[in-house]
PDB file of N, CA and C in Angstrom:
ATOM      1  N   MET A   1       0.985  -0.951  -0.200  1.00  0.00           N
ATOM      2  CA  MET A   1      -0.010   0.001   0.162  1.00  0.00           C
ATOM      3  C   MET A   1       0.789   1.683  -0.033  1.00  0.00           C
ATOM      4  N   SER A   2       0.924   2.345  -1.157  1.00  0.00           N
ATOM      5  CA  SER A   2       1.578   3.259  -0.903  1.00  0.00           C
ATOM      6  C   SER A   2       0.802   4.250  -0.132  1.00  0.00           C
ATOM      7  N   LYS A   3       1.985   5.420   0.617  1.00  0.00           N
ATOM      8  CA  LYS A   3       1.546   6.383   1.107  1.00  0.00           C
ATOM      9  C   LYS A   3       0.268   6.627   0.979  1.00  0.00           C
ATOM     10  N   THR A   4       0.369   6.750  -0.211  1.00  0.00           N
ATOM     11  CA  THR A   4      -1.058   8.019  -0.971  1.00  0.00           C
ATOM     12  C   THR A   4      -2.725   6.821  -0.684  1.00  0.00           C
ATOM     13  N   GLN A   5      -1.843   5.954  -1.058  1.00  0.00           N
ATOM     14  CA  GLN A   5      -3.724   5.335  -0.491  1.00  0.00           C
ATOM     15  C   GLN A   5      -3.893   5.072   0.622  1.00  0.00           C
ATOM     16  N   ALA A   6      -2.879   4.571   1.559  1.00  0.00           N
ATOM     17  CA  ALA A   6      -3.340   4.779   3.096  1.00  0.00           C
ATOM     18  C   ALA A   6      -3.147   6.441   3.832  1.00  0.00           C
ATOM     19  N   ALA A   7      -2.929   6.821   2.846  1.00  0.00           N
ATOM     20  CA  ALA A   7      -3.574   8.573   3.497  1.00  0.00           C
ATOM     21  C   ALA A   7      -5.312   8.599   2.831  1.00  0.00           C
ATOM     22  N   ILE A   8      -5.480   8.532   1.802  1.00  0.00           N
ATOM     23  CA  ILE A   8      -7.283   8.417   1.033  1.00  0.00           C
ATOM     24  C   ILE A   8      -7.744   6.904   1.551  1.00  0.00           C
ATOM     25  N   ALA A   9      -7.487   6.104   2.532  1.00  0.00           N
ATOM     26  CA  ALA A   9      -7.882   5.276   3.419  1.00  0.00           C
ATOM     27  C   ALA A   9      -8.409   5.705   4.089  1.00  0.00           C
ATOM     28  N   LYS A  10      -6.947   6.479   5.581  1.00  0.00           N
ATOM     29  CA  LYS A  10      -7.627   6.881   6.765  1.00  0.00           C
ATOM     30  C   LYS A  10      -8.800   8.166   6.382  1.00  0.00           C
ATOM     31  N   LEU A  11      -9.365   8.863   5.997  1.00  0.00           N
ATOM     32  CA  LEU A  11      -9.854  10.077   5.322  1.00  0.00           C
ATOM     33  C   LEU A  11     -11.307   9.404   5.610  1.00  0.00           C
ATOM     34  N   ILE A  12     -11.438   7.719   4.314  1.00  0.00           N
ATOM     35  CA  ILE A  12     -12.387   7.618   4.220  1.00  0.00           C
ATOM     36  C   ILE A  12     -12.942   5.980   6.263  1.00  0.00           C
ATOM     37  N   CYS A  13     -11.986   5.492   6.207  1.00  0.00           N
ATOM     38  CA  CYS A  13     -12.118   4.724   7.951  1.00  0.00           C
ATOM     39  C   CYS A  13     -11.286   5.788   8.694  1.00  0.00           C
ATOM     40  N   PRO A  14     -11.452   6.377  10.007  1.00  0.00           N
ATOM     41  CA  PRO A  14     -10.415   7.074  10.889  1.00  0.00           C
ATOM     42  C   PRO A  14     -10.585   5.895  11.443  1.00  0.00           C
ATOM     43  N   SER A  15     -10.765   5.042  11.751  1.00  0.00           N
ATOM     44  CA  SER A  15     -10.345   3.953  12.673  1.00  0.00           C
ATOM     45  C   SER A  15      -8.530   2.879  12.101  1.00  0.00           C
ATOM     46  N   LEU A  16      -8.230   2.995  10.905  1.00  0.00           N
ATOM     47  CA  LEU A  16      -7.293   2.442  10.863  1.00  0.00           C
ATOM     48  C   LEU A  16      -5.921   3.160  11.576  1.00  0.00           C
ATOM     49  N   GLU A  17      -6.391   5.019  11.908  1.00  0.00           N
ATOM     50  CA  GLU A  17      -5.407   5.276  12.580  1.00  0.00           C
ATOM     51  C   GLU A  17      -5.071   4.874  13.823  1.00  0.00           C
ATOM     52  N   GLU A  18      -6.141   3.543  14.902  1.00  0.00           N
ATOM     53  CA  GLU A  18      -6.170   2.647  16.103  1.00  0.00           C
ATOM     54  C   GLU A  18      -4.739   2.032  15.987  1.00  0.00           C
ATOM     55  N   PRO A  19      -3.905   1.237  16.908  1.00  0.00           N
ATOM     56  CA  PRO A  19      -2.918   0.904  16.733  1.00  0.00           C
ATOM     57  C   PRO A  19      -3.178  -0.877  16.833  1.00  0.00           C
ATOM     58  N   GLY A  20      -2.908  -0.515  15.336  1.00  0.00           N
ATOM     59  CA  GLY A  20      -2.857  -2.150  14.608  1.00  0.00           C
ATOM     60  C   GLY A  20      -3.628  -3.212  13.618  1.00  0.00           C
ATOM     61  N   VAL A  21      -4.917  -2.021  14.036  1.00  0.00           N
ATOM     62  CA  VAL A  21      -5.380  -1.966  12.629  1.00  0.00           C
ATOM     63  C   VAL A  21      -5.173  -1.899  11.498  1.00  0.00           C
ATOM     64  N   LEU A  22      -3.997  -0.486  10.757  1.00  0.00           N
ATOM     65  CA  LEU A  22      -3.764  -0.276   9.321  1.00  0.00           C
ATOM     66  C   LEU A  22      -3.092  -1.420   9.013  1.00  0.00           C
ATOM     67  N   GLY A  23      -2.092  -2.316   9.799  1.00  0.00           N
ATOM     68  CA  GLY A  23      -1.462  -3.916   9.355  1.00  0.00           C
ATOM     69  C   GLY A  23      -2.518  -5.159   8.966  1.00  0.00           C
ATOM     70  N   GLN A  24      -3.613  -4.907   9.743  1.00  0.00           N
ATOM     71  CA  GLN A  24      -4.621  -5.997   9.009  1.00  0.00           C
ATOM     72  C   GLN A  24      -5.880  -5.417   7.963  1.00  0.00           C
ATOM     73  N   PHE A  25      -5.605  -4.098   8.249  1.00  0.00           N
ATOM     74  CA  PHE A  25      -6.208  -3.577   6.643  1.00  0.00           C
ATOM     75  C   PHE A  25      -5.327  -3.317   5.402  1.00  0.00           C
ATOM     76  N   THR A  26      -3.507  -3.344   5.723  1.00  0.00           N
ATOM     77  CA  THR A  26      -3.303  -3.580   4.472  1.00  0.00           C
ATOM     78  C   THR A  26      -3.065  -4.346   3.647  1.00  0.00           C
ATOM     79  N   GLU A  27      -2.445  -5.265   4.549  1.00  0.00           N
ATOM     80  CA  GLU A  27      -2.905  -7.406   4.163  1.00  0.00           C
ATOM     81  C   GLU A  27      -4.156  -7.394   3.280  1.00  0.00           C
ATOM     82  N   ILE A  28      -5.185  -6.899   4.125  1.00  0.00           N
ATOM     83  CA  ILE A  28      -6.652  -7.316   3.287  1.00  0.00           C
ATOM     84  C   ILE A  28      -6.574  -6.206   1.557  1.00  0.00           C
ATOM     85  N   PHE A  29      -5.528  -5.009   1.656  1.00  0.00           N
ATOM     86  CA  PHE A  29      -5.761  -4.560   0.968  1.00  0.00           C
ATOM     87  C   PHE A  29      -4.968  -5.124  -0.533  1.00  0.00           C
ATOM     88  N   ASP A  30      -4.226  -4.726   0.310  1.00  0.00           N
ATOM     89  CA  ASP A  30      -2.855  -5.359  -0.790  1.00  0.00           C
ATOM     90  C   ASP A  30      -3.799  -6.314  -1.045  1.00  0.00           C
ATOM     91  N   ALA A  31      -4.329  -7.882  -1.112  1.00  0.00           N
ATOM     92  CA  ALA A  31      -4.951  -8.832  -2.006  1.00  0.00           C
ATOM     93  C   ALA A  31      -6.310  -8.467  -2.382  1.00  0.00           C
ATOM     94  N   PHE A  32      -6.997  -7.866  -1.640  1.00  0.00           N
ATOM     95  CA  PHE A  32      -7.818  -7.210  -3.439  1.00  0.00           C
ATOM     96  C   PHE A  32      -7.532  -6.856  -4.185  1.00  0.00           C
ATOM     97  N   PHE A  33      -6.723  -5.966  -4.147  1.00  0.00           N
ATOM     98  CA  PHE A  33      -5.934  -5.113  -5.010  1.00  0.00           C
ATOM     99  C   PHE A  33      -5.488  -6.016  -5.526  1.00  0.00           C
ATOM    100  N   ALA A  34      -4.198  -7.412  -5.363  1.00  0.00           N
ATOM    101  CA  ALA A  34      -3.636  -7.955  -6.046  1.00  0.00           C
ATOM    102  C   ALA A  34      -5.136  -8.851  -7.028  1.00  0.00           C
ATOM    103  N   GLU A  35      -5.831  -9.249  -6.578  1.00  0.00           N
ATOM    104  CA  GLU A  35      -6.925 -10.004  -7.176  1.00  0.00           C
ATOM    105  C   GLU A  35      -7.762  -9.082  -8.153  1.00  0.00           C
ATOM    106  N   LEU A  36      -7.613  -7.906  -8.390  1.00  0.00           N
ATOM    107  CA  LEU A  36      -8.158  -7.558  -9.461  1.00  0.00           C
ATOM    108  C   LEU A  36      -7.203  -7.896 -10.761  1.00  0.00           C
ATOM    109  N   ASP A  37      -7.537  -7.162 -12.117  1.00  0.00           N
ATOM    110  CA  ASP A  37      -7.474  -7.841 -13.263  1.00  0.00           C
ATOM    111  C   ASP A  37      -6.505  -7.151 -13.544  1.00  0.00           C
ATOM    112  N   SER A  38      -5.458  -6.439 -14.397  1.00  0.00           N
ATOM    113  CA  SER A  38      -4.397  -6.355 -15.088  1.00  0.00           C
ATOM    114  C   SER A  38      -4.838  -4.926 -14.839  1.00  0.00           C
ATOM    115  N   ARG A  39      -5.902  -5.068 -16.257  1.00  0.00           N
ATOM    116  CA  ARG A  39      -6.654  -3.348 -16.027  1.00  0.00           C
ATOM    117  C   ARG A  39      -7.100  -2.659 -14.943  1.00  0.00           C
ATOM    118  N   SER A  40      -7.344  -3.099 -13.777  1.00  0.00           N
ATOM    119  CA  SER A  40      -7.724  -1.988 -12.968  1.00  0.00           C
ATOM    120  C   SER A  40      -6.905  -1.910 -12.258  1.00  0.00           C
ATOM    121  N   ARG A  41      -6.175  -3.154 -11.874  1.00  0.00           N
ATOM    122  CA  ARG A  41      -4.830  -2.998 -11.875  1.00  0.00           C
ATOM    123  C   ARG A  41      -3.978  -1.151 -11.911  1.00  0.00           C
ATOM    124  N   ALA A  42      -3.683  -1.242 -13.468  1.00  0.00           N
ATOM    125  CA  ALA A  42      -3.423  -0.658 -13.884  1.00  0.00           C
ATOM    126  C   ALA A  42      -3.549   0.803 -13.862  1.00  0.00           C
ATOM    127  N   GLN A  43      -5.191   0.497 -14.306  1.00  0.00           N
ATOM    128  CA  GLN A  43      -6.555   1.962 -14.778  1.00  0.00           C
ATOM    129  C   GLN A  43      -5.916   2.628 -12.625  1.00  0.00           C
ATOM    130  N   LEU A  44      -6.092   2.073 -11.356  1.00  0.00           N
ATOM    131  CA  LEU A  44      -6.259   2.974 -10.163  1.00  0.00           C
ATOM    132  C   LEU A  44      -4.796   3.009  -9.476  1.00  0.00           C
ATOM    133  N   GLY A  45      -3.793   2.534 -10.268  1.00  0.00           N
ATOM    134  CA  GLY A  45      -2.148   2.698  -9.953  1.00  0.00           C
ATOM    135  C   GLY A  45      -1.768   4.163 -10.505  1.00  0.00           C
ATOM    136  N   LEU A  46      -2.986   3.755 -11.650  1.00  0.00           N
ATOM    137  CA  LEU A  46      -2.365   5.930 -12.768  1.00  0.00           C
ATOM    138  C   LEU A  46      -3.290   6.516 -12.177  1.00  0.00           C
ATOM    139  N   PHE A  47      -5.140   6.224 -11.434  1.00  0.00           N
ATOM    140  CA  PHE A  47      -5.325   7.561 -11.012  1.00  0.00           C
ATOM    141  C   PHE A  47      -4.833   8.093  -9.382  1.00  0.00           C
ATOM    142  N   PHE A  48      -4.167   7.051  -8.024  1.00  0.00           N
ATOM    143  CA  PHE A  48      -3.388   7.560  -7.408  1.00  0.00           C
ATOM    144  C   PHE A  48      -2.586   7.985  -7.758  1.00  0.00           C
ATOM    145  N   ARG A  49      -1.787   8.396  -8.901  1.00  0.00           N
ATOM    146  CA  ARG A  49      -0.347   8.829  -8.880  1.00  0.00           C
ATOM    147  C   ARG A  49      -1.350  10.561  -9.613  1.00  0.00           C
ATOM    148  N   ALA A  50      -2.587  10.225 -10.539  1.00  0.00           N
ATOM    149  CA  ALA A  50      -2.188  10.991 -10.954  1.00  0.00           C
ATOM    150  C   ALA A  50      -2.941  12.403  -9.790  1.00  0.00           C
ATOM    151  N   LEU A  51      -3.858  11.826  -8.639  1.00  0.00           N
ATOM    152  CA  LEU A  51      -4.295  12.258  -7.560  1.00  0.00           C
ATOM    153  C   LEU A  51      -2.973  12.814  -7.027  1.00  0.00           C
ATOM    154  N   ASN A  52      -2.411  11.975  -6.994  1.00  0.00           N
ATOM    155  CA  ASN A  52      -1.046  12.609  -5.992  1.00  0.00           C
ATOM    156  C   ASN A  52      -0.186  13.828  -6.817  1.00  0.00           C
ATOM    157  N   PHE A  53      -0.460  14.073  -8.352  1.00  0.00           N
ATOM    158  CA  PHE A  53       0.627  14.597  -9.139  1.00  0.00           C
ATOM    159  C   PHE A  53      -0.575  15.775  -9.191  1.00  0.00           C
ATOM    160  N   LEU A  54      -1.923  16.126  -9.055  1.00  0.00           N
ATOM    161  CA  LEU A  54      -3.151  17.427  -9.085  1.00  0.00           C
ATOM    162  C   LEU A  54      -2.577  18.000  -7.391  1.00  0.00           C
ATOM    163  N   SER A  55      -2.488  17.335  -6.315  1.00  0.00           N
ATOM    164  CA  SER A  55      -2.288  17.566  -5.193  1.00  0.00           C
ATOM    165  C   SER A  55      -0.830  18.522  -4.889  1.00  0.00           C
ATOM    166  N   LEU A  56      -0.028  17.826  -5.415  1.00  0.00           N
ATOM    167  CA  LEU A  56       2.106  18.845  -5.863  1.00  0.00           C
ATOM    168  C   LEU A  56       1.155  20.135  -6.665  1.00  0.00           C
ATOM    169  N   LEU A  57       0.731  20.102  -7.653  1.00  0.00           N
ATOM    170  CA  LEU A  57       0.422  21.079  -8.748  1.00  0.00           C
ATOM    171  C   LEU A  57      -0.422  22.111  -7.792  1.00  0.00           C
ATOM    172  N   PHE A  58      -2.030  21.442  -7.006  1.00  0.00           N
ATOM    173  CA  PHE A  58      -2.599  23.114  -6.598  1.00  0.00           C
ATOM    174  C   PHE A  58      -2.016  23.447  -4.879  1.00  0.00           C
ATOM    175  N   CYS A  59      -1.723  21.839  -3.922  1.00  0.00           N
ATOM    176  CA  CYS A  59      -1.484  22.232  -3.466  1.00  0.00           C
ATOM    177  C   CYS A  59       0.295  22.486  -2.213  1.00  0.00           C
ATOM    178  N   TRP A  60       1.274  21.663  -3.443  1.00  0.00           N
ATOM    179  CA  TRP A  60       2.160  22.366  -3.410  1.00  0.00           C
ATOM    180  C   TRP A  60       2.678  21.414  -2.457  1.00  0.00           C
ATOM    181  N   ARG A  61       2.400  19.907  -2.258  1.00  0.00           N
ATOM    182  CA  ARG A  61       2.765  18.497  -1.058  1.00  0.00           C
ATOM    183  C   ARG A  61       1.810  17.903  -2.008  1.00  0.00           C
ATOM    184  N   PRO A  62       2.675  16.465  -1.998  1.00  0.00           N
ATOM    185  CA  PRO A  62       2.295  14.740  -1.955  1.00  0.00           C
ATOM    186  C   PRO A  62       0.817  15.270  -0.975  1.00  0.00           C
ATOM    187  N   LEU A  63      -0.009  14.259  -1.220  1.00  0.00           N
ATOM    188  CA  LEU A  63      -1.697  13.914  -0.711  1.00  0.00           C
ATOM    189  C   LEU A  63      -1.270  13.458   0.821  1.00  0.00           C
ATOM    190  N   HIS A  64      -0.424  12.614   0.818  1.00  0.00           N
ATOM    191  CA  HIS A  64      -0.019  11.879   2.303  1.00  0.00           C
ATOM    192  C   HIS A  64       0.637  13.200   3.014  1.00  0.00           C
ATOM    193  N   ARG A  65       0.961  14.286   2.724  1.00  0.00           N
ATOM    194  CA  ARG A  65       1.181  15.318   3.400  1.00  0.00           C
ATOM    195  C   ARG A  65       0.319  16.441   3.402  1.00  0.00           C
ATOM    196  N   LEU A  66      -0.470  16.563   3.385  1.00  0.00           N
ATOM    197  CA  LEU A  66      -1.636  17.488   3.211  1.00  0.00           C
ATOM    198  C   LEU A  66      -1.832  16.684   4.985  1.00  0.00           C
ATOM    199  N   ALA A  67      -2.675  18.426   5.761  1.00  0.00           N
ATOM    200  CA  ALA A  67      -3.157  18.066   7.289  1.00  0.00           C
ATOM    201  C   ALA A  67      -4.637  17.151   6.339  1.00  0.00           C
ATOM    202  N   PRO A  68      -4.886  16.241   7.650  1.00  0.00           N
ATOM    203  CA  PRO A  68      -6.066  15.585   7.387  1.00  0.00           C
ATOM    204  C   PRO A  68      -7.250  16.788   6.458  1.00  0.00           C
ATOM    205  N   GLU A  69      -7.852  17.638   7.401  1.00  0.00           N
ATOM    206  CA  GLU A  69      -8.723  18.178   6.436  1.00  0.00           C
ATOM    207  C   GLU A  69      -8.153  19.336   5.292  1.00  0.00           C
ATOM    208  N   ARG A  70      -7.410  19.667   5.030  1.00  0.00           N
ATOM    209  CA  ARG A  70      -7.085  19.896   3.655  1.00  0.00           C
ATOM    210  C   ARG A  70      -7.124  18.518   3.135  1.00  0.00           C
ATOM    211  N   ARG A  71      -6.484  17.629   3.310  1.00  0.00           N
ATOM    212  CA  ARG A  71      -6.751  15.746   2.210  1.00  0.00           C
ATOM    213  C   ARG A  71      -8.190  15.987   1.774  1.00  0.00           C
ATOM    214  N   GLN A  72      -9.233  16.277   2.568  1.00  0.00           N
ATOM    215  CA  GLN A  72     -10.002  16.002   2.498  1.00  0.00           C
ATOM    216  C   GLN A  72     -10.656  17.041   1.538  1.00  0.00           C
ATOM    217  N   ARG A  73     -10.834  18.521   1.917  1.00  0.00           N
ATOM    218  CA  ARG A  73     -11.712  19.547   0.741  1.00  0.00           C
ATOM    219  C   ARG A  73     -10.814  19.479  -0.620  1.00  0.00           C
ATOM    220  N   PHE A  74      -9.425  18.639  -0.489  1.00  0.00           N
ATOM    221  CA  PHE A  74      -8.764  18.425  -1.284  1.00  0.00           C
ATOM    222  C   PHE A  74      -9.407  17.903  -2.626  1.00  0.00           C
ATOM    223  N   LEU A  75      -9.871  16.582  -1.747  1.00  0.00           N
ATOM    224  CA  LEU A  75     -10.671  15.097  -2.777  1.00  0.00           C
ATOM    225  C   LEU A  75     -11.850  15.930  -2.719  1.00  0.00           C
ATOM    226  N   GLU A  76     -12.439  16.476  -2.508  1.00  0.00           N
ATOM    227  CA  GLU A  76     -14.027  17.261  -1.912  1.00  0.00           C
ATOM    228  C   GLU A  76     -14.252  17.530  -3.230  1.00  0.00           C
ATOM    229  N   GLN A  77     -13.015  18.783  -3.526  1.00  0.00           N
ATOM    230  CA  GLN A  77     -12.709  19.523  -4.844  1.00  0.00           C
ATOM    231  C   GLN A  77     -12.522  18.942  -6.371  1.00  0.00           C
ATOM    232  N   VAL A  78     -11.769  17.964  -6.280  1.00  0.00           N
ATOM    233  CA  VAL A  78     -11.087  17.213  -7.294  1.00  0.00           C
ATOM    234  C   VAL A  78     -12.540  16.385  -7.881  1.00  0.00           C
ATOM    235  N   GLY A  79     -13.395  15.869  -6.702  1.00  0.00           N
ATOM    236  CA  GLY A  79     -15.343  14.830  -7.317  1.00  0.00           C
ATOM    237  C   GLY A  79     -15.441  15.931  -7.920  1.00  0.00           C
ATOM    238  N   ARG A  80     -15.626  17.055  -6.467  1.00  0.00           N
ATOM    239  CA  ARG A  80     -16.471  18.463  -7.640  1.00  0.00           C
ATOM    240  C   ARG A  80     -16.417  18.671  -9.307  1.00  0.00           C
ATOM    241  N   ARG A  81     -15.605  19.032  -9.489  1.00  0.00           N
ATOM    242  CA  ARG A  81     -15.001  19.435 -10.536  1.00  0.00           C
ATOM    243  C   ARG A  81     -14.016  18.581 -11.270  1.00  0.00           C
ATOM    244  N   GLY A  82     -14.112  17.510 -11.098  1.00  0.00           N
ATOM    245  CA  GLY A  82     -12.527  16.649 -12.207  1.00  0.00           C
ATOM    246  C   GLY A  82     -14.007  15.969 -12.767  1.00  0.00           C
ATOM    247  N   GLY A  83     -14.981  15.575 -13.115  1.00  0.00           N
ATOM    248  CA  GLY A  83     -15.446  15.016 -14.020  1.00  0.00           C
ATOM    249  C   GLY A  83     -15.876  13.008 -13.425  1.00  0.00           C
ATOM    250  N   SER A  84     -16.769  12.795 -14.286  1.00  0.00           N
ATOM    251  CA  SER A  84     -17.233  11.605 -13.996  1.00  0.00           C
ATOM    252  C   SER A  84     -16.193  10.851 -14.030  1.00  0.00           C
ATOM    253  N   LYS A  85     -15.171  10.752 -15.312  1.00  0.00           N
ATOM    254  CA  LYS A  85     -13.754   9.539 -14.489  1.00  0.00           C
ATOM    255  C   LYS A  85     -13.127   9.642 -13.151  1.00  0.00           C
ATOM    256  N   ILE A  86     -13.574  10.957 -12.483  1.00  0.00           N
ATOM    257  CA  ILE A  86     -12.879  10.940 -11.939  1.00  0.00           C
ATOM    258  C   ILE A  86     -13.908  10.685  -9.900  1.00  0.00           C
ATOM    259  N   GLN A  87     -14.830  11.113 -10.650  1.00  0.00           N
ATOM    260  CA  GLN A  87     -15.460  10.697  -9.314  1.00  0.00           C
ATOM    261  C   GLN A  87     -15.794   9.178  -9.792  1.00  0.00           C
ATOM    262  N   ALA A  88     -15.551   8.313 -10.755  1.00  0.00           N
ATOM    263  CA  ALA A  88     -16.077   6.900 -10.947  1.00  0.00           C
ATOM    264  C   ALA A  88     -14.631   6.441 -10.130  1.00  0.00           C
ATOM    265  N   GLY A  89     -13.660   6.918 -10.553  1.00  0.00           N
ATOM    266  CA  GLY A  89     -12.607   6.372  -9.761  1.00  0.00           C
ATOM    267  C   GLY A  89     -12.313   7.010  -8.464  1.00  0.00           C
ATOM    268  N   LEU A  90     -12.809   7.823  -7.645  1.00  0.00           N
ATOM    269  CA  LEU A  90     -13.528   8.089  -6.027  1.00  0.00           C
ATOM    270  C   LEU A  90     -14.022   6.876  -5.553  1.00  0.00           C
ATOM    271  N   THR A  91     -15.038   6.561  -6.490  1.00  0.00           N
ATOM    272  CA  THR A  91     -16.364   5.996  -6.237  1.00  0.00           C
ATOM    273  C   THR A  91     -15.647   4.236  -5.637  1.00  0.00           C
ATOM    274  N   GLY A  92     -14.786   4.211  -7.328  1.00  0.00           N
ATOM    275  CA  GLY A  92     -14.505   2.783  -6.873  1.00  0.00           C
ATOM    276  C   GLY A  92     -13.369   2.996  -5.778  1.00  0.00           C
ATOM    277  N   VAL A  93     -11.852   3.671  -5.199  1.00  0.00           N
ATOM    278  CA  VAL A  93     -11.207   3.390  -4.348  1.00  0.00           C
ATOM    279  C   VAL A  93     -12.084   3.655  -3.487  1.00  0.00           C
ATOM    280  N   ARG A  94     -13.663   3.969  -2.689  1.00  0.00           N
ATOM    281  CA  ARG A  94     -14.010   4.073  -1.826  1.00  0.00           C
ATOM    282  C   ARG A  94     -14.673   2.505  -1.022  1.00  0.00           C
ATOM    283  N   SER A  95     -14.601   1.763  -2.512  1.00  0.00           N
ATOM    284  CA  SER A  95     -15.292   0.830  -2.145  1.00  0.00           C
ATOM    285  C   SER A  95     -14.298  -0.238  -2.236  1.00  0.00           C
ATOM    286  N   LEU A  96     -13.610  -0.338  -2.329  1.00  0.00           N
ATOM    287  CA  LEU A  96     -12.647  -0.903  -2.176  1.00  0.00           C
ATOM    288  C   LEU A  96     -11.665  -0.958  -0.581  1.00  0.00           C
ATOM    289  N   VAL A  97     -11.504   0.554  -0.595  1.00  0.00           N
ATOM    290  CA  VAL A  97     -11.342   0.652   1.147  1.00  0.00           C
ATOM    291  C   VAL A  97     -12.137  -0.225   2.019  1.00  0.00           C
ATOM    292  N   LEU A  98     -13.813   0.197   1.956  1.00  0.00           N
ATOM    293  CA  LEU A  98     -14.485  -0.139   2.904  1.00  0.00           C
ATOM    294  C   LEU A  98     -14.850  -1.722   2.980  1.00  0.00           C
ATOM    295  N   LEU A  99     -14.287  -2.388   1.905  1.00  0.00           N
ATOM    296  CA  LEU A  99     -14.243  -3.783   1.385  1.00  0.00           C
ATOM    297  C   LEU A  99     -13.230  -4.147   2.645  1.00  0.00           C
ATOM    298  N   SER A 100     -12.391  -3.638   2.221  1.00  0.00           N
ATOM    299  CA  SER A 100     -11.593  -4.449   3.289  1.00  0.00           C
ATOM    300  C   SER A 100     -11.403  -3.282   4.186  1.00  0.00           C
ATOM    301  N   TYR A 101     -11.729  -2.880   4.879  1.00  0.00           N
ATOM    302  CA  TYR A 101     -11.756  -2.087   6.531  1.00  0.00           C
ATOM    303  C   TYR A 101     -13.166  -3.895   6.826  1.00  0.00           C
ATOM    304  N   TYR A 102     -13.702  -3.896   6.254  1.00  0.00           N
ATOM    305  CA  TYR A 102     -14.555  -3.985   7.076  1.00  0.00           C
ATOM    306  C   TYR A 102     -14.561  -5.785   6.798  1.00  0.00           C
ATOM    307  N   SER A 103     -13.393  -6.430   6.011  1.00  0.00           N
ATOM    308  CA  SER A 103     -12.507  -7.608   6.320  1.00  0.00           C
ATOM    309  C   SER A 103     -11.505  -7.733   7.489  1.00  0.00           C
ATOM    310  N   THR A 104     -11.446  -6.981   7.919  1.00  0.00           N
ATOM    311  CA  THR A 104     -10.835  -6.916   9.326  1.00  0.00           C
ATOM    312  C   THR A 104     -11.168  -7.482  10.494  1.00  0.00           C
ATOM    313  N   PRO A 105     -10.811  -8.562  11.379  1.00  0.00           N
ATOM    314  CA  PRO A 105     -11.159  -8.606  12.589  1.00  0.00           C
ATOM    315  C   PRO A 105     -12.078  -7.719  13.328  1.00  0.00           C
ATOM    316  N   HIS A 106     -10.716  -6.022  14.112  1.00  0.00           N
ATOM    317  CA  HIS A 106     -11.175  -5.091  14.448  1.00  0.00           C
ATOM    318  C   HIS A 106     -12.570  -4.345  13.644  1.00  0.00           C
ATOM    319  N   ALA A 107     -12.785  -4.768  12.683  1.00  0.00           N
ATOM    320  CA  ALA A 107     -14.097  -4.020  12.180  1.00  0.00           C
ATOM    321  C   ALA A 107     -15.673  -5.083  12.521  1.00  0.00           C
ATOM    322  N   TRP A 108     -14.929  -6.003  12.177  1.00  0.00           N
ATOM    323  CA  TRP A 108     -15.994  -7.446  12.921  1.00  0.00           C
ATOM    324  C   TRP A 108     -16.736  -6.729  14.272  1.00  0.00           C
ATOM    325  N   ARG A 109     -15.602  -7.000  15.200  1.00  0.00           N
ATOM    326  CA  ARG A 109     -15.828  -6.436  16.823  1.00  0.00           C
ATOM    327  C   ARG A 109     -16.457  -4.739  16.493  1.00  0.00           C
ATOM    328  N   GLN A 110     -16.578  -4.504  16.263  1.00  0.00           N
ATOM    329  CA  GLN A 110     -17.222  -2.868  15.982  1.00  0.00           C
ATOM    330  C   GLN A 110     -18.334  -3.036  15.656  1.00  0.00           C
ATOM    331  N   ILE A 111     -18.754  -3.909  15.165  1.00  0.00           N
ATOM    332  CA  ILE A 111     -20.651  -4.466  14.725  1.00  0.00           C
ATOM    333  C   ILE A 111     -20.940  -5.832  15.177  1.00  0.00           C
ATOM    334  N   ASN A 112     -20.315  -6.431  16.071  1.00  0.00           N
ATOM    335  CA  ASN A 112     -20.470  -7.828  16.678  1.00  0.00           C
ATOM    336  C   ASN A 112     -21.113  -8.529  15.926  1.00  0.00           C
ATOM    337  N   TYR A 113     -19.513  -8.765  15.000  1.00  0.00           N
ATOM    338  CA  TYR A 113     -20.023  -9.855  14.422  1.00  0.00           C
ATOM    339  C   TYR A 113     -18.651 -10.840  14.403  1.00  0.00           C
ATOM    340  N   GLU A 114     -19.113 -11.950  14.628  1.00  0.00           N
ATOM    341  CA  GLU A 114     -18.641 -12.925  14.976  1.00  0.00           C
ATOM    342  C   GLU A 114     -17.632 -13.542  14.268  1.00  0.00           C
ATOM    343  N   GLY A 115     -17.207 -12.644  12.683  1.00  0.00           N
ATOM    344  CA  GLY A 115     -16.425 -13.549  11.883  1.00  0.00           C
ATOM    345  C   GLY A 115     -17.204 -15.100  11.259  1.00  0.00           C
ATOM    346  N   PRO A 116     -16.273 -15.331   9.810  1.00  0.00           N
ATOM    347  CA  PRO A 116     -17.088 -16.589   8.921  1.00  0.00           C
ATOM    348  C   PRO A 116     -17.108 -17.493   9.736  1.00  0.00           C
ATOM    349  N   LEU A 117     -18.759 -18.254   9.304  1.00  0.00           N
ATOM    350  CA  LEU A 117     -18.517 -19.732   9.947  1.00  0.00           C
ATOM    351  C   LEU A 117     -17.045 -20.381   9.038  1.00  0.00           C
ATOM    352  N   ALA A 118     -16.910 -21.789   9.861  1.00  0.00           N
ATOM    353  CA  ALA A 118     -15.744 -22.836   8.882  1.00  0.00           C
ATOM    354  C   ALA A 118     -16.623 -23.303   8.221  1.00  0.00           C
ATOM    355  N   ARG A 119     -16.558 -23.468   7.085  1.00  0.00           N
ATOM    356  CA  ARG A 119     -17.688 -24.921   6.358  1.00  0.00           C
ATOM    357  C   ARG A 119     -18.083 -25.584   7.244  1.00  0.00           C
ATOM    358  N   GLY A 120     -19.283 -26.185   7.068  1.00  0.00           N
ATOM    359  CA  GLY A 120     -20.788 -26.688   6.914  1.00  0.00           C
ATOM    360  C   GLY A 120     -20.642 -26.507   8.827  1.00  0.00           C
ATOM    361  N   GLU A 121     -20.136 -25.467   9.305  1.00  0.00           N
ATOM    362  CA  GLU A 121     -21.053 -25.120  10.493  1.00  0.00           C
ATOM    363  C   GLU A 121     -21.827 -24.529  10.562  1.00  0.00           C
ATOM    364  N   ARG A 122     -22.900 -24.167  11.512  1.00  0.00           N
ATOM    365  CA  ARG A 122     -24.222 -23.902  11.535  1.00  0.00           C
ATOM    366  C   ARG A 122     -24.221 -23.438  12.621  1.00  0.00           C
ATOM    367  N   PRO A 123     -24.766 -21.887  12.519  1.00  0.00           N
ATOM    368  CA  PRO A 123     -25.206 -21.361  14.164  1.00  0.00           C
ATOM    369  C   PRO A 123     -26.099 -21.597  14.817  1.00  0.00           C
TER     370      PRO A 123
END
């Protein structure tokens, strides 16, 4: 997981700042990312680089070095002004982040989910 990806993920799921949670999340995020087809991985990689470039261009800092409040404003502005491709990219990233987060044992505890059942096990 890149610094840019982690910075965006922490905005979407502030719980990632808690000790030990980012490690669980990163492992799952990387596994989901690796399972994407090569074209989708390339497009998402390009999307993250483009966001970082725009951050450098307009904010004079890489995205991960912006204060969280400024990062949030920047992403909101990019989402509003960037057109349908940017909005689709942000939606895809948000979906991947949320899917990864809610696959962590930390999130399971937060929602009182005991985790997946073993094969053949019934409640």
